């Protein structure tokens, strides 16, 4: 993955910004975003959920939102 094989959609700064914004949007509301790295073909994120939020709910929310926004562009 780190070699940049496969689809590298996140190399595009406009697409990378969509992902970065989504990861920080609910900071201190749904999750405590400690850090993230957007690689050309994947994302690393360190983010414990807050309250009743479960990791799979956060992931679904991010992936759904970013997919819709990226497809618009």
PDB file of N, CA and C in Angstrom:
ATOM      1  N   UNK A   1       0.812  -1.196   0.000  1.00  0.00           N
ATOM      2  CA  UNK A   1       0.000   0.000   0.000  1.00  0.00           C
ATOM      3  C   UNK A   1       0.855   1.260   0.000  1.00  0.00           C
ATOM      4  N   UNK A   2       1.885   1.292   0.834  1.00  0.00           N
ATOM      5  CA  UNK A   2       2.697   2.494   0.951  1.00  0.00           C
ATOM      6  C   UNK A   2       3.527   2.773  -0.296  1.00  0.00           C
ATOM      7  N   UNK A   3       3.627   1.792  -1.198  1.00  0.00           N
ATOM      8  CA  UNK A   3       4.384   1.987  -2.430  1.00  0.00           C
ATOM      9  C   UNK A   3       3.608   2.795  -3.456  1.00  0.00           C
ATOM     10  N   UNK A   4       2.320   3.046  -3.185  1.00  0.00           N
ATOM     11  CA  UNK A   4       1.508   3.849  -4.094  1.00  0.00           C
ATOM     12  C   UNK A   4       0.924   3.055  -5.241  1.00  0.00           C
ATOM     13  N   UNK A   5       0.791   1.745  -5.076  1.00  0.00           N
ATOM     14  CA  UNK A   5       0.185   0.914  -6.113  1.00  0.00           C
ATOM     15  C   UNK A   5      -1.334   1.040  -6.047  1.00  0.00           C
ATOM     16  N   UNK A   6      -1.974   0.713  -7.136  1.00  0.00           N
ATOM     17  CA  UNK A   6      -3.433   0.778  -7.177  1.00  0.00           C
ATOM     18  C   UNK A   6      -3.908   2.202  -7.383  1.00  0.00           C
ATOM     19  N   UNK A   7      -5.167   2.429  -7.090  1.00  0.00           N
ATOM     20  CA  UNK A   7      -5.753   3.757  -7.247  1.00  0.00           C
ATOM     21  C   UNK A   7      -5.150   4.721  -6.235  1.00  0.00           C
ATOM     22  N   UNK A   8      -4.661   5.832  -6.704  1.00  0.00           N
ATOM     23  CA  UNK A   8      -4.056   6.838  -5.823  1.00  0.00           C
ATOM     24  C   UNK A   8      -4.864   8.131  -5.884  1.00  0.00           C
ATOM     25  N   UNK A   9      -6.155   7.993  -5.772  1.00  0.00           N
ATOM     26  CA  UNK A   9      -7.095   9.116  -5.855  1.00  0.00           C
ATOM     27  C   UNK A   9      -6.771  10.210  -4.833  1.00  0.00           C
ATOM     28  N   UNK A  10      -6.281   9.818  -3.669  1.00  0.00           N
ATOM     29  CA  UNK A  10      -6.028  10.787  -2.599  1.00  0.00           C
ATOM     30  C   UNK A  10      -4.773  11.625  -2.838  1.00  0.00           C
ATOM     31  N   UNK A  11      -4.097  11.387  -3.929  1.00  0.00           N
ATOM     32  CA  UNK A  11      -2.943  12.214  -4.293  1.00  0.00           C
ATOM     33  C   UNK A  11      -3.396  13.614  -4.730  1.00  0.00           C
ATOM     34  N   UNK A  12      -4.627  13.696  -5.216  1.00  0.00           N
ATOM     35  CA  UNK A  12      -5.215  14.965  -5.668  1.00  0.00           C
ATOM     36  C   UNK A  12      -5.507  15.829  -4.438  1.00  0.00           C
ATOM     37  N   UNK A  13      -4.927  17.036  -4.349  1.00  0.00           N
ATOM     38  CA  UNK A  13      -5.126  17.894  -3.175  1.00  0.00           C
ATOM     39  C   UNK A  13      -6.591  18.212  -2.881  1.00  0.00           C
ATOM     40  N   UNK A  14      -7.418  18.337  -3.897  1.00  0.00           N
ATOM     41  CA  UNK A  14      -8.846  18.639  -3.680  1.00  0.00           C
ATOM     42  C   UNK A  14      -9.554  17.454  -3.010  1.00  0.00           C
ATOM     43  N   UNK A  15      -9.216  16.263  -3.424  1.00  0.00           N
ATOM     44  CA  UNK A  15      -9.803  15.054  -2.846  1.00  0.00           C
ATOM     45  C   UNK A  15      -9.266  14.848  -1.434  1.00  0.00           C
ATOM     46  N   UNK A  16      -7.977  15.063  -1.263  1.00  0.00           N
ATOM     47  CA  UNK A  16      -7.343  14.928   0.056  1.00  0.00           C
ATOM     48  C   UNK A  16      -7.987  15.883   1.062  1.00  0.00           C
ATOM     49  N   UNK A  17      -8.346  17.069   0.631  1.00  0.00           N
ATOM     50  CA  UNK A  17      -8.986  18.053   1.508  1.00  0.00           C
ATOM     51  C   UNK A  17     -10.367  17.593   1.946  1.00  0.00           C
ATOM     52  N   UNK A  18     -11.110  16.944   1.061  1.00  0.00           N
ATOM     53  CA  UNK A  18     -12.426  16.399   1.429  1.00  0.00           C
ATOM     54  C   UNK A  18     -12.262  15.419   2.585  1.00  0.00           C
ATOM     55  N   UNK A  19     -11.294  14.524   2.465  1.00  0.00           N
ATOM     56  CA  UNK A  19     -11.056  13.517   3.502  1.00  0.00           C
ATOM     57  C   UNK A  19     -10.580  14.171   4.789  1.00  0.00           C
ATOM     58  N   UNK A  20      -9.623  15.070   4.706  1.00  0.00           N
ATOM     59  CA  UNK A  20      -9.107  15.756   5.901  1.00  0.00           C
ATOM     60  C   UNK A  20     -10.199  16.513   6.645  1.00  0.00           C
ATOM     61  N   UNK A  21     -11.032  17.205   5.904  1.00  0.00           N
ATOM     62  CA  UNK A  21     -12.125  17.959   6.528  1.00  0.00           C
ATOM     63  C   UNK A  21     -13.113  17.035   7.231  1.00  0.00           C
ATOM     64  N   UNK A  22     -13.422  15.912   6.599  1.00  0.00           N
ATOM     65  CA  UNK A  22     -14.360  14.963   7.194  1.00  0.00           C
ATOM     66  C   UNK A  22     -13.802  14.370   8.485  1.00  0.00           C
ATOM     67  N   UNK A  23     -12.510  14.087   8.512  1.00  0.00           N
ATOM     68  CA  UNK A  23     -11.903  13.471   9.688  1.00  0.00           C
ATOM     69  C   UNK A  23     -11.882  14.403  10.895  1.00  0.00           C
ATOM     70  N   UNK A  24     -11.876  15.692  10.660  1.00  0.00           N
ATOM     71  CA  UNK A  24     -11.813  16.651  11.774  1.00  0.00           C
ATOM     72  C   UNK A  24     -13.150  17.327  12.087  1.00  0.00           C
ATOM     73  N   UNK A  25     -14.149  17.124  11.233  1.00  0.00           N
ATOM     74  CA  UNK A  25     -15.414  17.835  11.385  1.00  0.00           C
ATOM     75  C   UNK A  25     -16.085  17.590  12.731  1.00  0.00           C
ATOM     76  N   UNK A  26     -16.091  16.360  13.201  1.00  0.00           N
ATOM     77  CA  UNK A  26     -16.774  16.024  14.453  1.00  0.00           C
ATOM     78  C   UNK A  26     -15.806  15.871  15.629  1.00  0.00           C
ATOM     79  N   UNK A  27     -14.630  16.496  15.530  1.00  0.00           N
ATOM     80  CA  UNK A  27     -13.667  16.445  16.631  1.00  0.00           C
ATOM     81  C   UNK A  27     -14.312  17.012  17.903  1.00  0.00           C
ATOM     82  N   UNK A  28     -14.193  16.261  18.977  1.00  0.00           N
ATOM     83  CA  UNK A  28     -14.748  16.587  20.288  1.00  0.00           C
ATOM     84  C   UNK A  28     -16.274  16.510  20.344  1.00  0.00           C
ATOM     85  N   UNK A  29     -16.905  16.016  19.270  1.00  0.00           N
ATOM     86  CA  UNK A  29     -18.351  15.790  19.276  1.00  0.00           C
ATOM     87  C   UNK A  29     -18.623  14.291  19.209  1.00  0.00           C
ATOM     88  N   UNK A  30     -18.201  13.668  18.111  1.00  0.00           N
ATOM     89  CA  UNK A  30     -18.365  12.219  17.947  1.00  0.00           C
ATOM     90  C   UNK A  30     -17.088  11.455  18.281  1.00  0.00           C
ATOM     91  N   UNK A  31     -15.956  12.133  18.153  1.00  0.00           N
ATOM     92  CA  UNK A  31     -14.671  11.461  18.347  1.00  0.00           C
ATOM     93  C   UNK A  31     -13.608  12.465  18.776  1.00  0.00           C
ATOM     94  N   UNK A  32     -12.533  11.935  19.325  1.00  0.00           N
ATOM     95  CA  UNK A  32     -11.393  12.748  19.735  1.00  0.00           C
ATOM     96  C   UNK A  32     -10.255  12.482  18.752  1.00  0.00           C
ATOM     97  N   UNK A  33     -10.189  13.273  17.701  1.00  0.00           N
ATOM     98  CA  UNK A  33      -9.227  13.048  16.631  1.00  0.00           C
ATOM     99  C   UNK A  33      -7.819  13.397  17.108  1.00  0.00           C
ATOM    100  N   UNK A  34      -7.020  12.360  17.358  1.00  0.00           N
ATOM    101  CA  UNK A  34      -5.636  12.562  17.812  1.00  0.00           C
ATOM    102  C   UNK A  34      -4.702  12.843  16.650  1.00  0.00           C
ATOM    103  N   UNK A  35      -4.973  12.241  15.520  1.00  0.00           N
ATOM    104  CA  UNK A  35      -4.128  12.463  14.352  1.00  0.00           C
ATOM    105  C   UNK A  35      -4.550  11.594  13.191  1.00  0.00           C
ATOM    106  N   UNK A  36      -4.109  11.976  12.015  1.00  0.00           N
ATOM    107  CA  UNK A  36      -4.395  11.209  10.807  1.00  0.00           C
ATOM    108  C   UNK A  36      -3.356  11.539   9.752  1.00  0.00           C
ATOM    109  N   UNK A  37      -3.211  10.619   8.809  1.00  0.00           N
ATOM    110  CA  UNK A  37      -2.334  10.812   7.656  1.00  0.00           C
ATOM    111  C   UNK A  37      -3.107  10.328   6.438  1.00  0.00           C
ATOM    112  N   UNK A  38      -3.215  11.197   5.443  1.00  0.00           N
ATOM    113  CA  UNK A  38      -3.872  10.822   4.194  1.00  0.00           C
ATOM    114  C   UNK A  38      -2.770  10.461   3.200  1.00  0.00           C
ATOM    115  N   UNK A  39      -2.680   9.168   2.888  1.00  0.00           N
ATOM    116  CA  UNK A  39      -1.699   8.662   1.937  1.00  0.00           C
ATOM    117  C   UNK A  39      -2.349   8.680   0.546  1.00  0.00           C
ATOM    118  N   UNK A  40      -1.569   8.476  -0.518  1.00  0.00           N
ATOM    119  CA  UNK A  40      -2.156   8.519  -1.861  1.00  0.00           C
ATOM    120  C   UNK A  40      -3.271   7.505  -2.101  1.00  0.00           C
ATOM    121  N   UNK A  41      -3.235   6.355  -1.398  1.00  0.00           N
ATOM    122  CA  UNK A  41      -4.241   5.328  -1.666  1.00  0.00           C
ATOM    123  C   UNK A  41      -4.916   4.767  -0.415  1.00  0.00           C
ATOM    124  N   UNK A  42      -4.691   5.380   0.744  1.00  0.00           N
ATOM    125  CA  UNK A  42      -5.355   4.964   1.977  1.00  0.00           C
ATOM    126  C   UNK A  42      -5.157   6.018   3.059  1.00  0.00           C
ATOM    127  N   UNK A  43      -5.814   5.820   4.202  1.00  0.00           N
ATOM    128  CA  UNK A  43      -5.772   6.786   5.298  1.00  0.00           C
ATOM    129  C   UNK A  43      -5.465   6.055   6.599  1.00  0.00           C
ATOM    130  N   UNK A  44      -4.635   6.673   7.431  1.00  0.00           N
ATOM    131  CA  UNK A  44      -4.402   6.191   8.792  1.00  0.00           C
ATOM    132  C   UNK A  44      -5.029   7.226   9.729  1.00  0.00           C
ATOM    133  N   UNK A  45      -5.746   6.756  10.753  1.00  0.00           N
ATOM    134  CA  UNK A  45      -6.379   7.688  11.685  1.00  0.00           C
ATOM    135  C   UNK A  45      -6.337   7.100  13.099  1.00  0.00           C
ATOM    136  N   UNK A  46      -6.039   7.953  14.054  1.00  0.00           N
ATOM    137  CA  UNK A  46      -6.046   7.583  15.468  1.00  0.00           C
ATOM    138  C   UNK A  46      -7.136   8.412  16.122  1.00  0.00           C
ATOM    139  N   UNK A  47      -8.273   7.764  16.404  1.00  0.00           N
ATOM    140  CA  UNK A  47      -9.439   8.519  16.832  1.00  0.00           C
ATOM    141  C   UNK A  47     -10.352   7.657  17.703  1.00  0.00           C
ATOM    142  N   UNK A  48     -10.270   7.806  19.018  1.00  0.00           N
ATOM    143  CA  UNK A  48     -11.228   7.090  19.863  1.00  0.00           C
ATOM    144  C   UNK A  48     -12.601   7.772  19.802  1.00  0.00           C
ATOM    145  N   UNK A  49     -13.656   6.972  19.690  1.00  0.00           N
ATOM    146  CA  UNK A  49     -15.005   7.538  19.661  1.00  0.00           C
ATOM    147  C   UNK A  49     -15.402   8.107  21.021  1.00  0.00           C
ATOM    148  N   UNK A  50     -16.317   9.040  21.001  1.00  0.00           N
ATOM    149  CA  UNK A  50     -16.834   9.636  22.235  1.00  0.00           C
ATOM    150  C   UNK A  50     -18.292   9.229  22.429  1.00  0.00           C
ATOM    151  N   UNK A  51     -18.717   9.188  23.680  1.00  0.00           N
ATOM    152  CA  UNK A  51     -20.111   8.888  23.990  1.00  0.00           C
ATOM    153  C   UNK A  51     -20.522   7.521  23.496  1.00  0.00           C
ATOM    154  N   UNK A  52     -21.665   7.484  22.852  1.00  0.00           N
ATOM    155  CA  UNK A  52     -22.238   6.228  22.357  1.00  0.00           C
ATOM    156  C   UNK A  52     -21.715   5.825  20.977  1.00  0.00           C
ATOM    157  N   UNK A  53     -20.892   6.652  20.364  1.00  0.00           N
ATOM    158  CA  UNK A  53     -20.412   6.361  19.016  1.00  0.00           C
ATOM    159  C   UNK A  53     -19.485   5.160  19.023  1.00  0.00           C
ATOM    160  N   UNK A  54     -19.668   4.285  18.056  1.00  0.00           N
ATOM    161  CA  UNK A  54     -18.837   3.107  17.871  1.00  0.00           C
ATOM    162  C   UNK A  54     -17.894   3.341  16.686  1.00  0.00           C
ATOM    163  N   UNK A  55     -16.708   2.707  16.682  1.00  0.00           N
ATOM    164  CA  UNK A  55     -15.766   2.905  15.564  1.00  0.00           C
ATOM    165  C   UNK A  55     -16.379   2.635  14.194  1.00  0.00           C
ATOM    166  N   UNK A  56     -17.195   1.579  14.087  1.00  0.00           N
ATOM    167  CA  UNK A  56     -17.782   1.267  12.786  1.00  0.00           C
ATOM    168  C   UNK A  56     -18.777   2.334  12.334  1.00  0.00           C
ATOM    169  N   UNK A  57     -19.424   3.009  13.279  1.00  0.00           N
ATOM    170  CA  UNK A  57     -20.339   4.100  12.916  1.00  0.00           C
ATOM    171  C   UNK A  57     -19.555   5.304  12.386  1.00  0.00           C
ATOM    172  N   UNK A  58     -18.443   5.613  13.038  1.00  0.00           N
ATOM    173  CA  UNK A  58     -17.599   6.719  12.572  1.00  0.00           C
ATOM    174  C   UNK A  58     -17.067   6.423  11.172  1.00  0.00           C
ATOM    175  N   UNK A  59     -16.552   5.222  10.994  1.00  0.00           N
ATOM    176  CA  UNK A  59     -15.998   4.843   9.701  1.00  0.00           C
ATOM    177  C   UNK A  59     -17.054   4.915   8.601  1.00  0.00           C
ATOM    178  N   UNK A  60     -18.243   4.402   8.883  1.00  0.00           N
ATOM    179  CA  UNK A  60     -19.322   4.466   7.896  1.00  0.00           C
ATOM    180  C   UNK A  60     -19.664   5.918   7.552  1.00  0.00           C
ATOM    181  N   UNK A  61     -19.744   6.758   8.557  1.00  0.00           N
ATOM    182  CA  UNK A  61     -20.073   8.167   8.349  1.00  0.00           C
ATOM    183  C   UNK A  61     -19.023   8.839   7.462  1.00  0.00           C
ATOM    184  N   UNK A  62     -17.752   8.636   7.772  1.00  0.00           N
ATOM    185  CA  UNK A  62     -16.673   9.244   6.976  1.00  0.00           C
ATOM    186  C   UNK A  62     -16.675   8.725   5.551  1.00  0.00           C
ATOM    187  N   UNK A  63     -16.770   7.413   5.402  1.00  0.00           N
ATOM    188  CA  UNK A  63     -16.700   6.822   4.067  1.00  0.00           C
ATOM    189  C   UNK A  63     -17.895   7.223   3.205  1.00  0.00           C
ATOM    190  N   UNK A  64     -19.076   7.262   3.799  1.00  0.00           N
ATOM    191  CA  UNK A  64     -20.270   7.647   3.058  1.00  0.00           C
ATOM    192  C   UNK A  64     -20.174   9.097   2.597  1.00  0.00           C
ATOM    193  N   UNK A  65     -19.848   9.988   3.533  1.00  0.00           N
ATOM    194  CA  UNK A  65     -19.752  11.415   3.202  1.00  0.00           C
ATOM    195  C   UNK A  65     -18.671  11.669   2.157  1.00  0.00           C
ATOM    196  N   UNK A  66     -17.473  11.136   2.391  1.00  0.00           N
ATOM    197  CA  UNK A  66     -16.372  11.420   1.469  1.00  0.00           C
ATOM    198  C   UNK A  66     -16.629  10.824   0.091  1.00  0.00           C
ATOM    199  N   UNK A  67     -17.225   9.635   0.023  1.00  0.00           N
ATOM    200  CA  UNK A  67     -17.534   9.037  -1.286  1.00  0.00           C
ATOM    201  C   UNK A  67     -18.493   9.921  -2.075  1.00  0.00           C
ATOM    202  N   UNK A  68     -19.534  10.417  -1.422  1.00  0.00           N
ATOM    203  CA  UNK A  68     -20.489  11.295  -2.111  1.00  0.00           C
ATOM    204  C   UNK A  68     -19.818  12.589  -2.575  1.00  0.00           C
ATOM    205  N   UNK A  69     -19.026  13.186  -1.720  1.00  0.00           N
ATOM    206  CA  UNK A  69     -18.363  14.452  -2.083  1.00  0.00           C
ATOM    207  C   UNK A  69     -17.336  14.245  -3.198  1.00  0.00           C
ATOM    208  N   UNK A  70     -16.572  13.179  -3.120  1.00  0.00           N
ATOM    209  CA  UNK A  70     -15.561  12.901  -4.150  1.00  0.00           C
ATOM    210  C   UNK A  70     -16.236  12.615  -5.483  1.00  0.00           C
ATOM    211  N   UNK A  71     -17.316  11.867  -5.471  1.00  0.00           N
ATOM    212  CA  UNK A  71     -18.034  11.555  -6.721  1.00  0.00           C
ATOM    213  C   UNK A  71     -18.637  12.803  -7.358  1.00  0.00           C
ATOM    214  N   UNK A  72     -18.994  13.795  -6.565  1.00  0.00           N
ATOM    215  CA  UNK A  72     -19.504  15.070  -7.107  1.00  0.00           C
ATOM    216  C   UNK A  72     -18.423  15.781  -7.919  1.00  0.00           C
ATOM    217  N   UNK A  73     -17.177  15.611  -7.476  1.00  0.00           N
ATOM    218  CA  UNK A  73     -16.068  16.338  -8.107  1.00  0.00           C
ATOM    219  C   UNK A  73     -15.544  15.575  -9.287  1.00  0.00           C
TER     220      UNK A  73
END
